[in-house]
């Protein structure tokens, strides 16, 4: 889970943390990088991930969250 307290939103903290995690994951050359997030557009995470290029793939994870995938930089 990635979360930033509301009073710290808008400072780039979440984006930086996610970028560091993605860079670390990409160092392992995975076939796919994905995460589960709420499909409810009223949640903060909904727009956050999509604005950073994550795309829904039409799947749900074991918790019922929507699966979002980050395209590889080569796509």
PDB file of N, CA and C in Angstrom:
ATOM      1  N   UNK A   1       0.844  -1.180   0.000  1.00  0.00           N
ATOM      2  CA  UNK A   1       0.000   0.000   0.000  1.00  0.00           C
ATOM      3  C   UNK A   1       0.885   1.237   0.000  1.00  0.00           C
ATOM      4  N   UNK A   2       0.474   2.183  -0.781  1.00  0.00           N
ATOM      5  CA  UNK A   2       1.147   3.472  -0.829  1.00  0.00           C
ATOM      6  C   UNK A   2       0.134   4.512  -0.376  1.00  0.00           C
ATOM      7  N   UNK A   3       0.487   5.257   0.647  1.00  0.00           N
ATOM      8  CA  UNK A   3      -0.439   6.276   1.148  1.00  0.00           C
ATOM      9  C   UNK A   3       0.341   7.488   1.645  1.00  0.00           C
ATOM     10  N   UNK A   4      -0.246   8.646   1.445  1.00  0.00           N
ATOM     11  CA  UNK A   4       0.309   9.901   1.935  1.00  0.00           C
ATOM     12  C   UNK A   4      -0.808  10.601   2.690  1.00  0.00           C
ATOM     13  N   UNK A   5      -0.497  11.091   3.856  1.00  0.00           N
ATOM     14  CA  UNK A   5      -1.510  11.810   4.629  1.00  0.00           C
ATOM     15  C   UNK A   5      -2.029  12.999   3.824  1.00  0.00           C
ATOM     16  N   UNK A   6      -3.330  13.275   3.935  1.00  0.00           N
ATOM     17  CA  UNK A   6      -3.919  14.360   3.133  1.00  0.00           C
ATOM     18  C   UNK A   6      -3.174  15.691   3.252  1.00  0.00           C
ATOM     19  N   UNK A   7      -2.671  16.012   4.431  1.00  0.00           N
ATOM     20  CA  UNK A   7      -1.988  17.305   4.585  1.00  0.00           C
ATOM     21  C   UNK A   7      -0.647  17.365   3.848  1.00  0.00           C
ATOM     22  N   UNK A   8      -0.172  16.221   3.351  1.00  0.00           N
ATOM     23  CA  UNK A   8       1.080  16.191   2.591  1.00  0.00           C
ATOM     24  C   UNK A   8       0.864  15.952   1.100  1.00  0.00           C
ATOM     25  N   UNK A   9      -0.390  15.877   0.674  1.00  0.00           N
ATOM     26  CA  UNK A   9      -0.683  15.684  -0.746  1.00  0.00           C
ATOM     27  C   UNK A   9      -0.249  16.899  -1.551  1.00  0.00           C
ATOM     28  N   UNK A  10       0.024  16.660  -2.815  1.00  0.00           N
ATOM     29  CA  UNK A  10       0.373  17.753  -3.707  1.00  0.00           C
ATOM     30  C   UNK A  10       1.830  18.186  -3.625  1.00  0.00           C
ATOM     31  N   UNK A  11       2.644  17.461  -2.869  1.00  0.00           N
ATOM     32  CA  UNK A  11       4.061  17.805  -2.734  1.00  0.00           C
ATOM     33  C   UNK A  11       4.969  16.858  -3.519  1.00  0.00           C
ATOM     34  N   UNK A  12       4.365  15.897  -4.216  1.00  0.00           N
ATOM     35  CA  UNK A  12       5.164  14.969  -5.004  1.00  0.00           C
ATOM     36  C   UNK A  12       5.691  13.776  -4.227  1.00  0.00           C
ATOM     37  N   UNK A  13       5.288  13.632  -2.978  1.00  0.00           N
ATOM     38  CA  UNK A  13       5.792  12.546  -2.136  1.00  0.00           C
ATOM     39  C   UNK A  13       5.325  11.190  -2.661  1.00  0.00           C
ATOM     40  N   UNK A  14       4.040  11.062  -2.923  1.00  0.00           N
ATOM     41  CA  UNK A  14       3.497   9.797  -3.421  1.00  0.00           C
ATOM     42  C   UNK A  14       4.085   9.437  -4.769  1.00  0.00           C
ATOM     43  N   UNK A  15       4.195  10.407  -5.643  1.00  0.00           N
ATOM     44  CA  UNK A  15       4.756  10.174  -6.967  1.00  0.00           C
ATOM     45  C   UNK A  15       6.210   9.714  -6.857  1.00  0.00           C
ATOM     46  N   UNK A  16       6.973  10.338  -5.970  1.00  0.00           N
ATOM     47  CA  UNK A  16       8.373   9.959  -5.779  1.00  0.00           C
ATOM     48  C   UNK A  16       8.491   8.552  -5.220  1.00  0.00           C
ATOM     49  N   UNK A  17       7.693   8.238  -4.205  1.00  0.00           N
ATOM     50  CA  UNK A  17       7.727   6.891  -3.620  1.00  0.00           C
ATOM     51  C   UNK A  17       7.379   5.832  -4.655  1.00  0.00           C
ATOM     52  N   UNK A  18       6.342   6.090  -5.425  1.00  0.00           N
ATOM     53  CA  UNK A  18       5.926   5.129  -6.445  1.00  0.00           C
ATOM     54  C   UNK A  18       7.002   4.981  -7.517  1.00  0.00           C
ATOM     55  N   UNK A  19       7.604   6.075  -7.919  1.00  0.00           N
ATOM     56  CA  UNK A  19       8.662   6.041  -8.920  1.00  0.00           C
ATOM     57  C   UNK A  19       9.855   5.217  -8.433  1.00  0.00           C
ATOM     58  N   UNK A  20      10.227   5.383  -7.182  1.00  0.00           N
ATOM     59  CA  UNK A  20      11.332   4.595  -6.609  1.00  0.00           C
ATOM     60  C   UNK A  20      10.990   3.107  -6.601  1.00  0.00           C
ATOM     61  N   UNK A  21       9.759   2.781  -6.234  1.00  0.00           N
ATOM     62  CA  UNK A  21       9.329   1.377  -6.213  1.00  0.00           C
ATOM     63  C   UNK A  21       9.331   0.791  -7.619  1.00  0.00           C
ATOM     64  N   UNK A  22       8.832   1.546  -8.594  1.00  0.00           N
ATOM     65  CA  UNK A  22       8.794   1.075  -9.981  1.00  0.00           C
ATOM     66  C   UNK A  22      10.215   0.885 -10.514  1.00  0.00           C
ATOM     67  N   UNK A  23      11.093   1.831 -10.240  1.00  0.00           N
ATOM     68  CA  UNK A  23      12.483   1.701 -10.690  1.00  0.00           C
ATOM     69  C   UNK A  23      13.112   0.443 -10.107  1.00  0.00           C
ATOM     70  N   UNK A  24      12.880   0.185  -8.837  1.00  0.00           N
ATOM     71  CA  UNK A  24      13.419  -1.006  -8.180  1.00  0.00           C
ATOM     72  C   UNK A  24      12.851  -2.269  -8.833  1.00  0.00           C
ATOM     73  N   UNK A  25      11.533  -2.301  -9.048  1.00  0.00           N
ATOM     74  CA  UNK A  25      10.922  -3.463  -9.689  1.00  0.00           C
ATOM     75  C   UNK A  25      11.474  -3.672 -11.097  1.00  0.00           C
ATOM     76  N   UNK A  26      11.630  -2.605 -11.849  1.00  0.00           N
ATOM     77  CA  UNK A  26      12.136  -2.723 -13.225  1.00  0.00           C
ATOM     78  C   UNK A  26      13.573  -3.251 -13.261  1.00  0.00           C
ATOM     79  N   UNK A  27      14.315  -3.085 -12.185  1.00  0.00           N
ATOM     80  CA  UNK A  27      15.684  -3.603 -12.149  1.00  0.00           C
ATOM     81  C   UNK A  27      15.712  -5.128 -12.236  1.00  0.00           C
ATOM     82  N   UNK A  28      14.582  -5.766 -11.954  1.00  0.00           N
ATOM     83  CA  UNK A  28      14.471  -7.219 -12.039  1.00  0.00           C
ATOM     84  C   UNK A  28      13.953  -7.684 -13.401  1.00  0.00           C
ATOM     85  N   UNK A  29      13.682  -6.734 -14.285  1.00  0.00           N
ATOM     86  CA  UNK A  29      13.194  -7.021 -15.641  1.00  0.00           C
ATOM     87  C   UNK A  29      11.936  -7.897 -15.655  1.00  0.00           C
ATOM     88  N   UNK A  30      10.900  -7.508 -14.886  1.00  0.00           N
ATOM     89  CA  UNK A  30       9.677  -8.315 -14.884  1.00  0.00           C
ATOM     90  C   UNK A  30       8.928  -8.189 -16.200  1.00  0.00           C
ATOM     91  N   UNK A  31       8.140  -9.192 -16.491  1.00  0.00           N
ATOM     92  CA  UNK A  31       7.310  -9.160 -17.696  1.00  0.00           C
ATOM     93  C   UNK A  31       6.198  -8.124 -17.552  1.00  0.00           C
ATOM     94  N   UNK A  32       5.846  -7.831 -16.315  1.00  0.00           N
ATOM     95  CA  UNK A  32       4.683  -6.975 -16.075  1.00  0.00           C
ATOM     96  C   UNK A  32       4.806  -6.353 -14.684  1.00  0.00           C
ATOM     97  N   UNK A  33       4.408  -5.090 -14.560  1.00  0.00           N
ATOM     98  CA  UNK A  33       4.305  -4.430 -13.252  1.00  0.00           C
ATOM     99  C   UNK A  33       2.850  -4.026 -13.089  1.00  0.00           C
ATOM    100  N   UNK A  34       2.247  -4.483 -12.025  1.00  0.00           N
ATOM    101  CA  UNK A  34       0.835  -4.204 -11.819  1.00  0.00           C
ATOM    102  C   UNK A  34       0.572  -3.926 -10.338  1.00  0.00           C
ATOM    103  N   UNK A  35      -0.611  -3.378 -10.082  1.00  0.00           N
ATOM    104  CA  UNK A  35      -1.063  -3.142  -8.713  1.00  0.00           C
ATOM    105  C   UNK A  35      -2.578  -3.247  -8.672  1.00  0.00           C
ATOM    106  N   UNK A  36      -3.097  -3.400  -7.486  1.00  0.00           N
ATOM    107  CA  UNK A  36      -4.540  -3.410  -7.279  1.00  0.00           C
ATOM    108  C   UNK A  36      -4.953  -2.109  -6.621  1.00  0.00           C
ATOM    109  N   UNK A  37      -6.002  -1.492  -7.136  1.00  0.00           N
ATOM    110  CA  UNK A  37      -6.498  -0.228  -6.586  1.00  0.00           C
ATOM    111  C   UNK A  37      -8.009  -0.175  -6.740  1.00  0.00           C
ATOM    112  N   UNK A  38      -8.616   0.670  -5.955  1.00  0.00           N
ATOM    113  CA  UNK A  38     -10.061   0.832  -6.019  1.00  0.00           C
ATOM    114  C   UNK A  38     -10.484   1.314  -7.406  1.00  0.00           C
ATOM    115  N   UNK A  39     -11.577   0.777  -7.881  1.00  0.00           N
ATOM    116  CA  UNK A  39     -12.123   1.236  -9.169  1.00  0.00           C
ATOM    117  C   UNK A  39     -13.090   2.409  -8.974  1.00  0.00           C
ATOM    118  N   UNK A  40     -13.280   2.829  -7.735  1.00  0.00           N
ATOM    119  CA  UNK A  40     -14.190   3.932  -7.415  1.00  0.00           C
ATOM    120  C   UNK A  40     -13.526   5.269  -7.743  1.00  0.00           C
ATOM    121  N   UNK A  41     -14.055   6.006  -8.703  1.00  0.00           N
ATOM    122  CA  UNK A  41     -13.435   7.277  -9.087  1.00  0.00           C
ATOM    123  C   UNK A  41     -13.447   8.333  -7.986  1.00  0.00           C
ATOM    124  N   UNK A  42     -14.178   8.095  -6.907  1.00  0.00           N
ATOM    125  CA  UNK A  42     -14.196   9.046  -5.793  1.00  0.00           C
ATOM    126  C   UNK A  42     -12.988   8.893  -4.876  1.00  0.00           C
ATOM    127  N   UNK A  43     -12.218   7.807  -5.040  1.00  0.00           N
ATOM    128  CA  UNK A  43     -11.039   7.610  -4.188  1.00  0.00           C
ATOM    129  C   UNK A  43      -9.858   8.398  -4.749  1.00  0.00           C
ATOM    130  N   UNK A  44      -8.961   8.795  -3.872  1.00  0.00           N
ATOM    131  CA  UNK A  44      -7.790   9.570  -4.290  1.00  0.00           C
ATOM    132  C   UNK A  44      -6.895   8.750  -5.205  1.00  0.00           C
ATOM    133  N   UNK A  45      -6.800   7.452  -4.939  1.00  0.00           N
ATOM    134  CA  UNK A  45      -5.889   6.612  -5.724  1.00  0.00           C
ATOM    135  C   UNK A  45      -6.345   6.453  -7.171  1.00  0.00           C
ATOM    136  N   UNK A  46      -7.632   6.542  -7.397  1.00  0.00           N
ATOM    137  CA  UNK A  46      -8.165   6.307  -8.747  1.00  0.00           C
ATOM    138  C   UNK A  46      -7.501   7.222  -9.771  1.00  0.00           C
ATOM    139  N   UNK A  47      -7.535   8.493  -9.550  1.00  0.00           N
ATOM    140  CA  UNK A  47      -6.941   9.443 -10.485  1.00  0.00           C
ATOM    141  C   UNK A  47      -5.425   9.495 -10.408  1.00  0.00           C
ATOM    142  N   UNK A  48      -4.888   9.257  -9.218  1.00  0.00           N
ATOM    143  CA  UNK A  48      -3.443   9.316  -9.007  1.00  0.00           C
ATOM    144  C   UNK A  48      -2.709   8.352  -9.920  1.00  0.00           C
ATOM    145  N   UNK A  49      -3.073   7.083  -9.878  1.00  0.00           N
ATOM    146  CA  UNK A  49      -2.374   6.082 -10.688  1.00  0.00           C
ATOM    147  C   UNK A  49      -2.582   6.317 -12.179  1.00  0.00           C
ATOM    148  N   UNK A  50      -3.784   6.636 -12.562  1.00  0.00           N
ATOM    149  CA  UNK A  50      -4.069   6.859 -13.981  1.00  0.00           C
ATOM    150  C   UNK A  50      -3.291   8.054 -14.530  1.00  0.00           C
ATOM    151  N   UNK A  51      -3.153   9.099 -13.732  1.00  0.00           N
ATOM    152  CA  UNK A  51      -2.394  10.274 -14.163  1.00  0.00           C
ATOM    153  C   UNK A  51      -0.921   9.948 -14.379  1.00  0.00           C
ATOM    154  N   UNK A  52      -0.447   8.897 -13.719  1.00  0.00           N
ATOM    155  CA  UNK A  52       0.949   8.486 -13.849  1.00  0.00           C
ATOM    156  C   UNK A  52       1.147   7.390 -14.896  1.00  0.00           C
ATOM    157  N   UNK A  53       0.091   7.102 -15.649  1.00  0.00           N
ATOM    158  CA  UNK A  53       0.218   6.171 -16.767  1.00  0.00           C
ATOM    159  C   UNK A  53      -0.240   4.748 -16.516  1.00  0.00           C
ATOM    160  N   UNK A  54      -0.699   4.449 -15.315  1.00  0.00           N
ATOM    161  CA  UNK A  54      -1.202   3.100 -15.021  1.00  0.00           C
ATOM    162  C   UNK A  54      -2.548   2.924 -15.715  1.00  0.00           C
ATOM    163  N   UNK A  55      -2.766   1.742 -16.282  1.00  0.00           N
ATOM    164  CA  UNK A  55      -3.983   1.477 -17.051  1.00  0.00           C
ATOM    165  C   UNK A  55      -4.699   0.228 -16.560  1.00  0.00           C
ATOM    166  N   UNK A  56      -6.044   0.287 -16.461  1.00  0.00           N
ATOM    167  CA  UNK A  56      -6.798  -0.907 -16.071  1.00  0.00           C
ATOM    168  C   UNK A  56      -6.694  -1.981 -17.152  1.00  0.00           C
ATOM    169  N   UNK A  57      -6.627  -3.230 -16.711  1.00  0.00           N
ATOM    170  CA  UNK A  57      -6.490  -4.334 -17.668  1.00  0.00           C
ATOM    171  C   UNK A  57      -7.724  -5.241 -17.696  1.00  0.00           C
ATOM    172  N   UNK A  58      -8.782  -4.836 -17.008  1.00  0.00           N
ATOM    173  CA  UNK A  58     -10.015  -5.616 -17.027  1.00  0.00           C
ATOM    174  C   UNK A  58     -10.002  -6.806 -16.089  1.00  0.00           C
ATOM    175  N   UNK A  59      -9.131  -6.786 -15.087  1.00  0.00           N
ATOM    176  CA  UNK A  59      -9.046  -7.868 -14.104  1.00  0.00           C
ATOM    177  C   UNK A  59      -9.308  -7.313 -12.708  1.00  0.00           C
ATOM    178  N   UNK A  60      -9.633  -8.202 -11.801  1.00  0.00           N
ATOM    179  CA  UNK A  60      -9.740  -7.881 -10.374  1.00  0.00           C
ATOM    180  C   UNK A  60      -8.726  -8.743  -9.639  1.00  0.00           C
ATOM    181  N   UNK A  61      -8.153  -8.209  -8.558  1.00  0.00           N
ATOM    182  CA  UNK A  61      -7.243  -9.023  -7.765  1.00  0.00           C
ATOM    183  C   UNK A  61      -8.028  -9.823  -6.731  1.00  0.00           C
ATOM    184  N   UNK A  62      -7.335 -10.549  -5.888  1.00  0.00           N
ATOM    185  CA  UNK A  62      -8.010 -11.420  -4.916  1.00  0.00           C
ATOM    186  C   UNK A  62      -8.793 -10.645  -3.865  1.00  0.00           C
ATOM    187  N   UNK A  63      -8.552  -9.339  -3.758  1.00  0.00           N
ATOM    188  CA  UNK A  63      -9.284  -8.499  -2.801  1.00  0.00           C
ATOM    189  C   UNK A  63     -10.443  -7.749  -3.465  1.00  0.00           C
ATOM    190  N   UNK A  64     -10.631  -7.989  -4.760  1.00  0.00           N
ATOM    191  CA  UNK A  64     -11.710  -7.324  -5.490  1.00  0.00           C
ATOM    192  C   UNK A  64     -11.325  -5.966  -6.043  1.00  0.00           C
ATOM    193  N   UNK A  65     -10.049  -5.596  -5.915  1.00  0.00           N
ATOM    194  CA  UNK A  65      -9.597  -4.326  -6.459  1.00  0.00           C
ATOM    195  C   UNK A  65      -9.303  -4.464  -7.954  1.00  0.00           C
ATOM    196  N   UNK A  66      -9.416  -3.369  -8.650  1.00  0.00           N
ATOM    197  CA  UNK A  66      -9.113  -3.327 -10.072  1.00  0.00           C
ATOM    198  C   UNK A  66      -7.602  -3.452 -10.277  1.00  0.00           C
ATOM    199  N   UNK A  67      -7.199  -4.260 -11.232  1.00  0.00           N
ATOM    200  CA  UNK A  67      -5.779  -4.403 -11.550  1.00  0.00           C
ATOM    201  C   UNK A  67      -5.390  -3.346 -12.571  1.00  0.00           C
ATOM    202  N   UNK A  68      -4.354  -2.583 -12.232  1.00  0.00           N
ATOM    203  CA  UNK A  68      -3.798  -1.580 -13.125  1.00  0.00           C
ATOM    204  C   UNK A  68      -2.382  -2.022 -13.483  1.00  0.00           C
ATOM    205  N   UNK A  69      -2.011  -1.799 -14.727  1.00  0.00           N
ATOM    206  CA  UNK A  69      -0.690  -2.191 -15.192  1.00  0.00           C
ATOM    207  C   UNK A  69       0.043  -0.964 -15.703  1.00  0.00           C
ATOM    208  N   UNK A  70       1.331  -0.930 -15.445  1.00  0.00           N
ATOM    209  CA  UNK A  70       2.151   0.159 -15.957  1.00  0.00           C
ATOM    210  C   UNK A  70       2.840  -0.319 -17.229  1.00  0.00           C
ATOM    211  N   UNK A  71       2.546   0.322 -18.354  1.00  0.00           N
ATOM    212  CA  UNK A  71       3.209  -0.093 -19.594  1.00  0.00           C
ATOM    213  C   UNK A  71       4.723   0.046 -19.474  1.00  0.00           C
ATOM    214  N   UNK A  72       5.445  -0.793 -20.169  1.00  0.00           N
ATOM    215  CA  UNK A  72       6.909  -0.695 -20.134  1.00  0.00           C
ATOM    216  C   UNK A  72       7.306   0.571 -20.873  1.00  0.00           C
ATOM    217  N   UNK A  73       8.467   1.123 -20.545  1.00  0.00           N
ATOM    218  CA  UNK A  73       8.901   2.361 -21.202  1.00  0.00           C
ATOM    219  C   UNK A  73       9.098   2.171 -22.708  1.00  0.00           C
ATOM    220  N   UNK A  74       9.226   0.930 -23.154  1.00  0.00           N
ATOM    221  CA  UNK A  74       9.418   0.665 -24.581  1.00  0.00           C
ATOM    222  C   UNK A  74       8.115   0.679 -25.365  1.00  0.00           C
ATOM    223  N   UNK A  75       6.981   0.660 -24.667  1.00  0.00           N
ATOM    224  CA  UNK A  75       5.667   0.620 -25.349  1.00  0.00           C
ATOM    225  C   UNK A  75       5.278   1.980 -25.882  1.00  0.00           C
TER     226      UNK A  75
END
